[in-house]
Amino acid sequence: MSSDDTRRRMEYQAVGGALAQLDAKNPQAAQLIAGLATVIIAEAEKSSRFASALTGVVDALRPVNDAIDGAPVPAPRKRTAAPKKRVTRQPGAFDPFVVYREGGGAQELSARLSELTLDLLRDIIAEQELDTRKETSRKRKPEVLVAWIVERVEASENKGSVFR
């Protein structure tokens, strides 16, 4: 038996194994593929014209198969979208949790936050990771962000107070 015959037998066995694996997951698809293969084989045995057409398809695919078996094929080019514009945030002006704990609560925190600009408020939100759902990116008024930060800090500081 030649090495070509051995290679073909191994390929046939691999196809049978793949069909058996498919049968375990999706019996209908396995039956469809097995039925198609049976019909194609029967027709190729009956008609030499059909068999030569199949051979023509295989010959047309041969450069692809040779590339797969031998040299590496370059990966298809992917379209890449323009990178998203990333805003790099500076560290926050102060830690709102420290101000809330040591400075006297929500009123002191609100007063200190009111002095800051919109960008500085967003820096604090980003640094403290207060906005995991990206809710504040649509807010344009500093007063709204101040109230939002105070609410989040209070909620975090009072979390678990039921058990105290």
N, C-alpha and C. Protein backbone atom coordinates (compact mmCIF):
# COMPACT_ATOMS: atom_id res chain seq x y z
N MET A 1 0.84 -1.16 0.00
CA MET A 1 0.00 0.00 0.00
C MET A 1 0.90 1.24 0.00
N SER A 2 0.60 2.19 -0.88
CA SER A 2 1.44 3.38 -1.01
C SER A 2 1.07 4.41 0.07
N SER A 3 1.91 5.40 0.21
CA SER A 3 1.66 6.45 1.21
C SER A 3 0.43 7.28 0.82
N ASP A 4 0.18 7.35 -0.50
CA ASP A 4 -1.01 8.08 -0.97
C ASP A 4 -2.28 7.35 -0.53
N ASP A 5 -2.27 6.01 -0.68
CA ASP A 5 -3.42 5.22 -0.24
C ASP A 5 -3.63 5.35 1.27
N THR A 6 -2.56 5.34 2.00
CA THR A 6 -2.65 5.46 3.46
C THR A 6 -3.22 6.81 3.86
N ARG A 7 -2.76 7.85 3.19
CA ARG A 7 -3.26 9.20 3.48
C ARG A 7 -4.75 9.30 3.20
N ARG A 8 -5.18 8.73 2.07
CA ARG A 8 -6.61 8.77 1.73
C ARG A 8 -7.44 8.01 2.75
N ARG A 9 -6.97 6.84 3.16
CA ARG A 9 -7.71 6.05 4.16
C ARG A 9 -7.83 6.81 5.48
N MET A 10 -6.76 7.49 5.86
CA MET A 10 -6.80 8.28 7.09
C MET A 10 -7.80 9.43 6.96
N GLU A 11 -7.85 10.05 5.78
CA GLU A 11 -8.81 11.13 5.56
C GLU A 11 -10.24 10.60 5.63
N TYR A 12 -10.48 9.41 5.04
CA TYR A 12 -11.82 8.82 5.08
C TYR A 12 -12.22 8.51 6.52
N GLN A 13 -11.27 7.99 7.29
CA GLN A 13 -11.55 7.69 8.70
C GLN A 13 -11.82 8.97 9.49
N ALA A 14 -11.10 10.02 9.18
CA ALA A 14 -11.31 11.29 9.86
C ALA A 14 -12.69 11.85 9.55
N VAL A 15 -13.11 11.70 8.29
CA VAL A 15 -14.45 12.15 7.91
C VAL A 15 -15.49 11.34 8.65
N GLY A 16 -15.29 10.03 8.75
CA GLY A 16 -16.22 9.18 9.49
C GLY A 16 -16.28 9.56 10.96
N GLY A 17 -15.13 9.85 11.56
CA GLY A 17 -15.10 10.27 12.96
C GLY A 17 -15.80 11.60 13.17
N ALA A 18 -15.58 12.53 12.25
CA ALA A 18 -16.25 13.84 12.36
C ALA A 18 -17.75 13.68 12.21
N LEU A 19 -18.17 12.79 11.34
CA LEU A 19 -19.60 12.53 11.15
C LEU A 19 -20.20 11.90 12.40
N ALA A 20 -19.45 11.01 13.05
CA ALA A 20 -19.93 10.40 14.29
C ALA A 20 -20.05 11.44 15.40
N GLN A 21 -19.09 12.38 15.49
CA GLN A 21 -19.17 13.45 16.49
C GLN A 21 -20.36 14.36 16.22
N LEU A 22 -20.58 14.67 14.95
CA LEU A 22 -21.73 15.51 14.60
C LEU A 22 -23.02 14.80 14.93
N ASP A 23 -23.06 13.49 14.73
CA ASP A 23 -24.26 12.71 15.03
C ASP A 23 -24.61 12.79 16.51
N ALA A 24 -23.60 12.86 17.36
CA ALA A 24 -23.85 12.95 18.80
C ALA A 24 -24.47 14.30 19.15
N LYS A 25 -24.11 15.35 18.43
CA LYS A 25 -24.62 16.69 18.73
C LYS A 25 -25.88 17.03 17.95
N ASN A 26 -25.89 16.65 16.66
CA ASN A 26 -27.02 17.01 15.80
C ASN A 26 -27.26 15.87 14.81
N PRO A 27 -28.08 14.88 15.19
CA PRO A 27 -28.28 13.71 14.33
C PRO A 27 -28.87 14.05 12.96
N GLN A 28 -29.73 15.06 12.90
CA GLN A 28 -30.33 15.40 11.61
C GLN A 28 -29.29 15.90 10.63
N ALA A 29 -28.39 16.76 11.10
CA ALA A 29 -27.35 17.27 10.21
C ALA A 29 -26.43 16.14 9.76
N ALA A 30 -26.10 15.22 10.67
CA ALA A 30 -25.23 14.10 10.32
C ALA A 30 -25.90 13.21 9.27
N GLN A 31 -27.19 12.97 9.43
CA GLN A 31 -27.92 12.16 8.44
C GLN A 31 -27.96 12.86 7.09
N LEU A 32 -28.16 14.17 7.10
CA LEU A 32 -28.20 14.93 5.85
C LEU A 32 -26.86 14.85 5.13
N ILE A 33 -25.76 15.04 5.86
CA ILE A 33 -24.44 15.00 5.23
C ILE A 33 -24.12 13.59 4.74
N ALA A 34 -24.46 12.58 5.53
CA ALA A 34 -24.22 11.20 5.11
C ALA A 34 -25.04 10.87 3.87
N GLY A 35 -26.28 11.33 3.83
CA GLY A 35 -27.13 11.09 2.65
C GLY A 35 -26.59 11.78 1.42
N LEU A 36 -26.13 13.02 1.58
CA LEU A 36 -25.54 13.74 0.45
C LEU A 36 -24.30 13.03 -0.06
N ALA A 37 -23.45 12.60 0.86
CA ALA A 37 -22.23 11.90 0.45
C ALA A 37 -22.57 10.62 -0.29
N THR A 38 -23.57 9.89 0.20
CA THR A 38 -23.98 8.63 -0.46
C THR A 38 -24.48 8.90 -1.87
N VAL A 39 -25.30 9.93 -2.03
CA VAL A 39 -25.85 10.28 -3.36
C VAL A 39 -24.73 10.72 -4.30
N ILE A 40 -23.81 11.53 -3.79
CA ILE A 40 -22.70 12.01 -4.64
C ILE A 40 -21.81 10.84 -5.07
N ILE A 41 -21.52 9.94 -4.14
CA ILE A 41 -20.69 8.77 -4.47
C ILE A 41 -21.38 7.89 -5.50
N ALA A 42 -22.68 7.64 -5.31
CA ALA A 42 -23.42 6.79 -6.25
C ALA A 42 -23.44 7.42 -7.64
N GLU A 43 -23.65 8.72 -7.70
CA GLU A 43 -23.70 9.40 -9.00
C GLU A 43 -22.32 9.40 -9.66
N ALA A 44 -21.26 9.57 -8.87
CA ALA A 44 -19.92 9.57 -9.44
C ALA A 44 -19.57 8.18 -9.99
N GLU A 45 -20.08 7.11 -9.35
CA GLU A 45 -19.82 5.76 -9.86
C GLU A 45 -20.57 5.53 -11.17
N LYS A 46 -21.77 6.10 -11.29
CA LYS A 46 -22.58 5.90 -12.50
C LYS A 46 -22.09 6.75 -13.66
N SER A 47 -21.77 8.01 -13.40
CA SER A 47 -21.49 8.94 -14.49
C SER A 47 -20.03 9.39 -14.44
N SER A 48 -19.31 9.08 -15.51
CA SER A 48 -17.91 9.51 -15.57
C SER A 48 -17.83 11.03 -15.75
N ARG A 49 -18.85 11.60 -16.38
CA ARG A 49 -18.88 13.05 -16.57
C ARG A 49 -18.99 13.76 -15.21
N PHE A 50 -19.85 13.23 -14.34
CA PHE A 50 -20.02 13.79 -13.00
C PHE A 50 -18.73 13.62 -12.19
N ALA A 51 -18.11 12.45 -12.31
CA ALA A 51 -16.86 12.19 -11.59
C ALA A 51 -15.76 13.15 -12.05
N SER A 52 -15.68 13.41 -13.37
CA SER A 52 -14.66 14.34 -13.85
C SER A 52 -14.98 15.77 -13.42
N ALA A 53 -16.26 16.12 -13.29
CA ALA A 53 -16.63 17.45 -12.78
C ALA A 53 -16.18 17.60 -11.32
N LEU A 54 -16.36 16.53 -10.53
CA LEU A 54 -15.88 16.55 -9.14
C LEU A 54 -14.37 16.71 -9.10
N THR A 55 -13.68 16.01 -9.97
CA THR A 55 -12.22 16.10 -10.03
C THR A 55 -11.80 17.50 -10.41
N GLY A 56 -12.56 18.13 -11.31
CA GLY A 56 -12.27 19.51 -11.69
C GLY A 56 -12.40 20.46 -10.51
N VAL A 57 -13.40 20.23 -9.67
CA VAL A 57 -13.56 21.06 -8.47
C VAL A 57 -12.37 20.86 -7.53
N VAL A 58 -11.97 19.63 -7.37
CA VAL A 58 -10.83 19.34 -6.49
C VAL A 58 -9.56 19.97 -7.05
N ASP A 59 -9.36 19.89 -8.38
CA ASP A 59 -8.18 20.49 -8.99
C ASP A 59 -8.18 22.01 -8.82
N ALA A 60 -9.37 22.62 -8.88
CA ALA A 60 -9.47 24.06 -8.70
C ALA A 60 -9.11 24.45 -7.26
N LEU A 61 -9.39 23.55 -6.31
CA LEU A 61 -9.09 23.82 -4.90
C LEU A 61 -7.66 23.44 -4.51
N ARG A 62 -6.97 22.75 -5.38
CA ARG A 62 -5.63 22.25 -5.05
C ARG A 62 -4.67 23.35 -4.60
N PRO A 63 -4.60 24.53 -5.26
CA PRO A 63 -3.69 25.57 -4.76
C PRO A 63 -4.02 25.96 -3.32
N VAL A 64 -5.29 25.98 -2.98
CA VAL A 64 -5.69 26.31 -1.62
C VAL A 64 -5.23 25.20 -0.68
N ASN A 65 -5.43 23.94 -1.07
CA ASN A 65 -5.01 22.81 -0.24
C ASN A 65 -3.49 22.77 -0.09
N ASP A 66 -2.76 23.05 -1.17
CA ASP A 66 -1.31 23.06 -1.09
C ASP A 66 -0.83 24.14 -0.14
N ALA A 67 -1.49 25.30 -0.19
CA ALA A 67 -1.11 26.39 0.70
C ALA A 67 -1.40 26.01 2.14
N ILE A 68 -2.50 25.31 2.38
CA ILE A 68 -2.84 24.90 3.74
C ILE A 68 -1.85 23.86 4.23
N ASP A 69 -1.49 22.90 3.38
CA ASP A 69 -0.58 21.83 3.78
C ASP A 69 0.86 22.33 3.91
N GLY A 70 1.26 23.25 3.05
CA GLY A 70 2.66 23.65 3.02
C GLY A 70 2.89 25.00 3.66
N ALA A 71 3.10 25.98 2.82
CA ALA A 71 3.47 27.32 3.29
C ALA A 71 2.28 28.00 3.97
N PRO A 72 2.57 28.86 4.91
CA PRO A 72 1.48 29.57 5.58
C PRO A 72 0.80 30.56 4.63
N VAL A 73 -0.49 30.65 4.77
CA VAL A 73 -1.29 31.55 3.95
C VAL A 73 -1.46 32.84 4.74
N PRO A 74 -1.24 33.98 4.11
CA PRO A 74 -1.42 35.23 4.86
C PRO A 74 -2.88 35.39 5.27
N ALA A 75 -3.07 35.93 6.44
CA ALA A 75 -4.43 36.13 6.96
C ALA A 75 -5.13 37.19 6.12
N PRO A 76 -6.45 37.03 5.94
CA PRO A 76 -7.17 38.04 5.18
C PRO A 76 -7.12 39.38 5.91
N ARG A 77 -7.11 40.43 5.12
CA ARG A 77 -7.04 41.76 5.71
C ARG A 77 -8.37 42.09 6.37
N LYS A 78 -8.27 42.61 7.54
CA LYS A 78 -9.48 42.98 8.27
C LYS A 78 -9.63 44.49 8.22
N ARG A 79 -10.86 44.88 8.11
CA ARG A 79 -11.13 46.31 8.19
C ARG A 79 -11.11 46.69 9.66
N THR A 80 -10.41 47.72 9.94
CA THR A 80 -10.38 48.18 11.31
C THR A 80 -11.03 49.55 11.39
N ALA A 81 -11.88 49.69 12.36
CA ALA A 81 -12.53 50.98 12.55
C ALA A 81 -11.53 51.93 13.18
N ALA A 82 -11.80 53.18 13.01
CA ALA A 82 -10.94 54.17 13.64
C ALA A 82 -10.99 53.98 15.14
N PRO A 83 -9.86 54.07 15.81
CA PRO A 83 -9.87 53.86 17.26
C PRO A 83 -10.76 54.89 17.94
N LYS A 84 -11.42 54.42 19.00
CA LYS A 84 -12.30 55.33 19.73
C LYS A 84 -11.48 56.41 20.40
N LYS A 85 -12.05 57.57 20.44
CA LYS A 85 -11.39 58.68 21.09
C LYS A 85 -11.45 58.45 22.59
N ARG A 86 -10.30 58.32 23.21
CA ARG A 86 -10.22 58.05 24.64
C ARG A 86 -9.88 59.34 25.37
N VAL A 87 -10.65 59.60 26.39
CA VAL A 87 -10.37 60.75 27.23
C VAL A 87 -9.53 60.26 28.39
N THR A 88 -8.35 60.80 28.52
CA THR A 88 -7.51 60.42 29.65
C THR A 88 -7.81 61.37 30.79
N ARG A 89 -8.16 60.79 31.88
CA ARG A 89 -8.57 61.58 33.05
C ARG A 89 -7.39 61.80 33.98
N GLN A 90 -7.37 62.96 34.58
CA GLN A 90 -6.38 63.30 35.59
C GLN A 90 -6.86 62.76 36.94
N PRO A 91 -5.96 62.63 37.89
CA PRO A 91 -6.40 62.23 39.22
C PRO A 91 -7.37 63.26 39.79
N GLY A 92 -8.29 62.80 40.60
CA GLY A 92 -9.28 63.70 41.18
C GLY A 92 -8.64 64.73 42.10
N ALA A 93 -9.33 65.85 42.28
CA ALA A 93 -8.81 66.94 43.11
C ALA A 93 -8.70 66.49 44.57
N PHE A 94 -9.63 65.66 45.02
CA PHE A 94 -9.61 65.12 46.38
C PHE A 94 -10.45 63.86 46.42
N ASP A 95 -10.35 63.14 47.52
CA ASP A 95 -11.11 61.91 47.70
C ASP A 95 -12.43 62.26 48.37
N PRO A 96 -13.56 62.08 47.68
CA PRO A 96 -14.85 62.46 48.27
C PRO A 96 -15.21 61.63 49.50
N PHE A 97 -14.71 60.43 49.59
CA PHE A 97 -15.02 59.58 50.74
C PHE A 97 -14.34 60.12 52.01
N VAL A 98 -13.11 60.61 51.86
CA VAL A 98 -12.40 61.17 53.00
C VAL A 98 -13.10 62.45 53.47
N VAL A 99 -13.49 63.30 52.52
CA VAL A 99 -14.18 64.54 52.86
C VAL A 99 -15.50 64.22 53.55
N TYR A 100 -16.21 63.23 53.07
CA TYR A 100 -17.50 62.86 53.67
C TYR A 100 -17.31 62.36 55.10
N ARG A 101 -16.30 61.51 55.33
CA ARG A 101 -16.07 60.94 56.66
C ARG A 101 -15.53 61.97 57.64
N GLU A 102 -14.53 62.73 57.21
CA GLU A 102 -13.83 63.61 58.13
C GLU A 102 -14.36 65.03 58.13
N GLY A 103 -15.00 65.42 57.04
CA GLY A 103 -15.38 66.82 56.91
C GLY A 103 -16.77 67.17 57.38
N GLY A 104 -17.57 66.21 57.77
CA GLY A 104 -18.88 66.58 58.29
C GLY A 104 -20.04 66.14 57.44
N GLY A 105 -19.86 65.24 56.52
CA GLY A 105 -20.99 64.66 55.82
C GLY A 105 -21.27 65.26 54.46
N ALA A 106 -22.53 65.15 54.08
CA ALA A 106 -22.96 65.49 52.73
C ALA A 106 -22.87 66.98 52.45
N GLN A 107 -23.15 67.82 53.44
CA GLN A 107 -23.14 69.27 53.20
C GLN A 107 -21.73 69.77 52.90
N GLU A 108 -20.76 69.30 53.66
CA GLU A 108 -19.38 69.72 53.42
C GLU A 108 -18.89 69.19 52.07
N LEU A 109 -19.21 67.95 51.77
CA LEU A 109 -18.82 67.36 50.49
C LEU A 109 -19.44 68.14 49.34
N SER A 110 -20.71 68.45 49.46
CA SER A 110 -21.41 69.20 48.41
C SER A 110 -20.78 70.57 48.21
N ALA A 111 -20.40 71.23 49.31
CA ALA A 111 -19.79 72.55 49.21
C ALA A 111 -18.44 72.48 48.50
N ARG A 112 -17.63 71.48 48.85
CA ARG A 112 -16.31 71.34 48.21
C ARG A 112 -16.44 70.97 46.74
N LEU A 113 -17.42 70.11 46.42
CA LEU A 113 -17.61 69.72 45.02
C LEU A 113 -18.15 70.87 44.17
N SER A 114 -18.95 71.74 44.76
CA SER A 114 -19.54 72.86 44.01
C SER A 114 -18.49 73.83 43.50
N GLU A 115 -17.33 73.85 44.12
CA GLU A 115 -16.24 74.74 43.70
C GLU A 115 -15.54 74.25 42.44
N LEU A 116 -15.75 72.99 42.06
CA LEU A 116 -15.00 72.38 40.96
C LEU A 116 -15.71 72.55 39.63
N THR A 117 -14.93 72.47 38.55
CA THR A 117 -15.50 72.53 37.21
C THR A 117 -16.05 71.16 36.81
N LEU A 118 -16.72 71.14 35.67
CA LEU A 118 -17.32 69.90 35.17
C LEU A 118 -16.25 68.83 34.94
N ASP A 119 -15.13 69.21 34.34
CA ASP A 119 -14.05 68.23 34.07
C ASP A 119 -13.44 67.69 35.35
N LEU A 120 -13.27 68.54 36.35
CA LEU A 120 -12.71 68.08 37.62
C LEU A 120 -13.67 67.12 38.32
N LEU A 121 -14.96 67.37 38.19
CA LEU A 121 -15.95 66.46 38.77
C LEU A 121 -15.89 65.10 38.07
N ARG A 122 -15.74 65.15 36.77
CA ARG A 122 -15.65 63.88 36.01
C ARG A 122 -14.35 63.13 36.34
N ASP A 123 -13.29 63.88 36.63
CA ASP A 123 -12.04 63.24 37.06
C ASP A 123 -12.25 62.47 38.35
N ILE A 124 -12.97 63.07 39.29
CA ILE A 124 -13.25 62.39 40.57
C ILE A 124 -14.08 61.14 40.33
N ILE A 125 -15.10 61.26 39.49
CA ILE A 125 -15.96 60.11 39.19
C ILE A 125 -15.16 58.98 38.57
N ALA A 126 -14.27 59.33 37.65
CA ALA A 126 -13.47 58.30 36.97
C ALA A 126 -12.47 57.67 37.93
N GLU A 127 -11.80 58.48 38.74
CA GLU A 127 -10.79 57.95 39.64
C GLU A 127 -11.40 57.03 40.70
N GLN A 128 -12.54 57.42 41.24
CA GLN A 128 -13.18 56.63 42.29
C GLN A 128 -14.07 55.52 41.74
N GLU A 129 -14.20 55.47 40.42
CA GLU A 129 -15.04 54.46 39.74
C GLU A 129 -16.46 54.46 40.29
N LEU A 130 -17.01 55.66 40.38
CA LEU A 130 -18.37 55.81 40.91
C LEU A 130 -19.44 55.52 39.86
N ASP A 131 -19.07 55.61 38.59
CA ASP A 131 -20.05 55.48 37.52
C ASP A 131 -19.73 54.27 36.66
N THR A 132 -20.19 53.10 37.09
CA THR A 132 -19.90 51.88 36.33
C THR A 132 -20.82 51.73 35.13
N ARG A 133 -21.93 52.45 35.12
CA ARG A 133 -22.88 52.33 34.00
C ARG A 133 -22.80 53.47 33.00
N LYS A 134 -21.83 54.33 33.16
CA LYS A 134 -21.62 55.47 32.26
C LYS A 134 -22.83 56.41 32.23
N GLU A 135 -23.44 56.61 33.38
CA GLU A 135 -24.61 57.48 33.46
C GLU A 135 -24.24 58.95 33.40
N THR A 136 -23.09 59.31 33.93
CA THR A 136 -22.74 60.72 34.04
C THR A 136 -22.18 61.31 32.76
N SER A 137 -21.88 60.52 31.78
CA SER A 137 -21.31 61.05 30.55
C SER A 137 -22.31 61.94 29.81
N ARG A 138 -23.59 61.76 30.05
CA ARG A 138 -24.61 62.56 29.38
C ARG A 138 -25.00 63.81 30.17
N LYS A 139 -24.54 63.91 31.39
CA LYS A 139 -24.91 65.03 32.25
C LYS A 139 -24.00 66.21 31.95
N ARG A 140 -24.58 67.39 31.79
CA ARG A 140 -23.83 68.58 31.38
C ARG A 140 -23.71 69.65 32.47
N LYS A 141 -24.55 69.57 33.50
CA LYS A 141 -24.54 70.60 34.53
C LYS A 141 -23.73 70.13 35.74
N PRO A 142 -22.83 70.99 36.23
CA PRO A 142 -22.04 70.61 37.41
C PRO A 142 -22.90 70.31 38.64
N GLU A 143 -24.02 71.03 38.79
CA GLU A 143 -24.88 70.81 39.96
C GLU A 143 -25.43 69.38 39.97
N VAL A 144 -25.76 68.88 38.80
CA VAL A 144 -26.30 67.53 38.70
C VAL A 144 -25.22 66.51 39.07
N LEU A 145 -24.00 66.74 38.61
CA LEU A 145 -22.90 65.82 38.94
C LEU A 145 -22.56 65.89 40.43
N VAL A 146 -22.62 67.07 41.02
CA VAL A 146 -22.36 67.20 42.45
C VAL A 146 -23.38 66.38 43.23
N ALA A 147 -24.65 66.54 42.90
CA ALA A 147 -25.69 65.78 43.60
C ALA A 147 -25.50 64.28 43.39
N TRP A 148 -25.10 63.91 42.19
CA TRP A 148 -24.91 62.49 41.88
C TRP A 148 -23.75 61.91 42.69
N ILE A 149 -22.64 62.65 42.77
CA ILE A 149 -21.47 62.17 43.53
C ILE A 149 -21.83 62.05 45.01
N VAL A 150 -22.50 63.06 45.56
CA VAL A 150 -22.87 63.02 46.97
C VAL A 150 -23.78 61.83 47.23
N GLU A 151 -24.71 61.58 46.34
CA GLU A 151 -25.62 60.43 46.50
C GLU A 151 -24.85 59.11 46.50
N ARG A 152 -23.92 58.96 45.59
CA ARG A 152 -23.14 57.73 45.49
C ARG A 152 -22.24 57.53 46.72
N VAL A 153 -21.62 58.61 47.17
CA VAL A 153 -20.74 58.51 48.34
C VAL A 153 -21.56 58.16 49.58
N GLU A 154 -22.71 58.81 49.75
CA GLU A 154 -23.57 58.50 50.89
C GLU A 154 -24.03 57.05 50.85
N ALA A 155 -24.44 56.59 49.68
CA ALA A 155 -24.90 55.21 49.54
C ALA A 155 -23.79 54.23 49.88
N SER A 156 -22.59 54.52 49.44
CA SER A 156 -21.47 53.63 49.71
C SER A 156 -21.07 53.65 51.19
N GLU A 157 -21.07 54.82 51.78
CA GLU A 157 -20.68 54.93 53.19
C GLU A 157 -21.73 54.34 54.12
N ASN A 158 -23.00 54.40 53.75
CA ASN A 158 -24.07 53.89 54.62
C ASN A 158 -24.41 52.44 54.30
N LYS A 159 -23.73 51.87 53.35
CA LYS A 159 -23.99 50.48 52.98
C LYS A 159 -23.67 49.57 54.16
N GLY A 160 -24.63 48.77 54.55
CA GLY A 160 -24.42 47.84 55.65
C GLY A 160 -24.74 48.43 57.02
N SER A 161 -25.29 49.66 57.05
CA SER A 161 -25.57 50.28 58.34
C SER A 161 -26.73 49.59 59.06
N VAL A 162 -27.49 48.80 58.37
CA VAL A 162 -28.58 48.06 58.99
C VAL A 162 -28.05 47.08 60.03
N PHE A 163 -26.85 46.59 59.80
CA PHE A 163 -26.26 45.58 60.67
C PHE A 163 -25.47 46.16 61.83
N ARG A 164 -25.38 47.48 61.91
CA ARG A 164 -24.58 48.10 62.99
C ARG A 164 -25.41 48.29 64.23
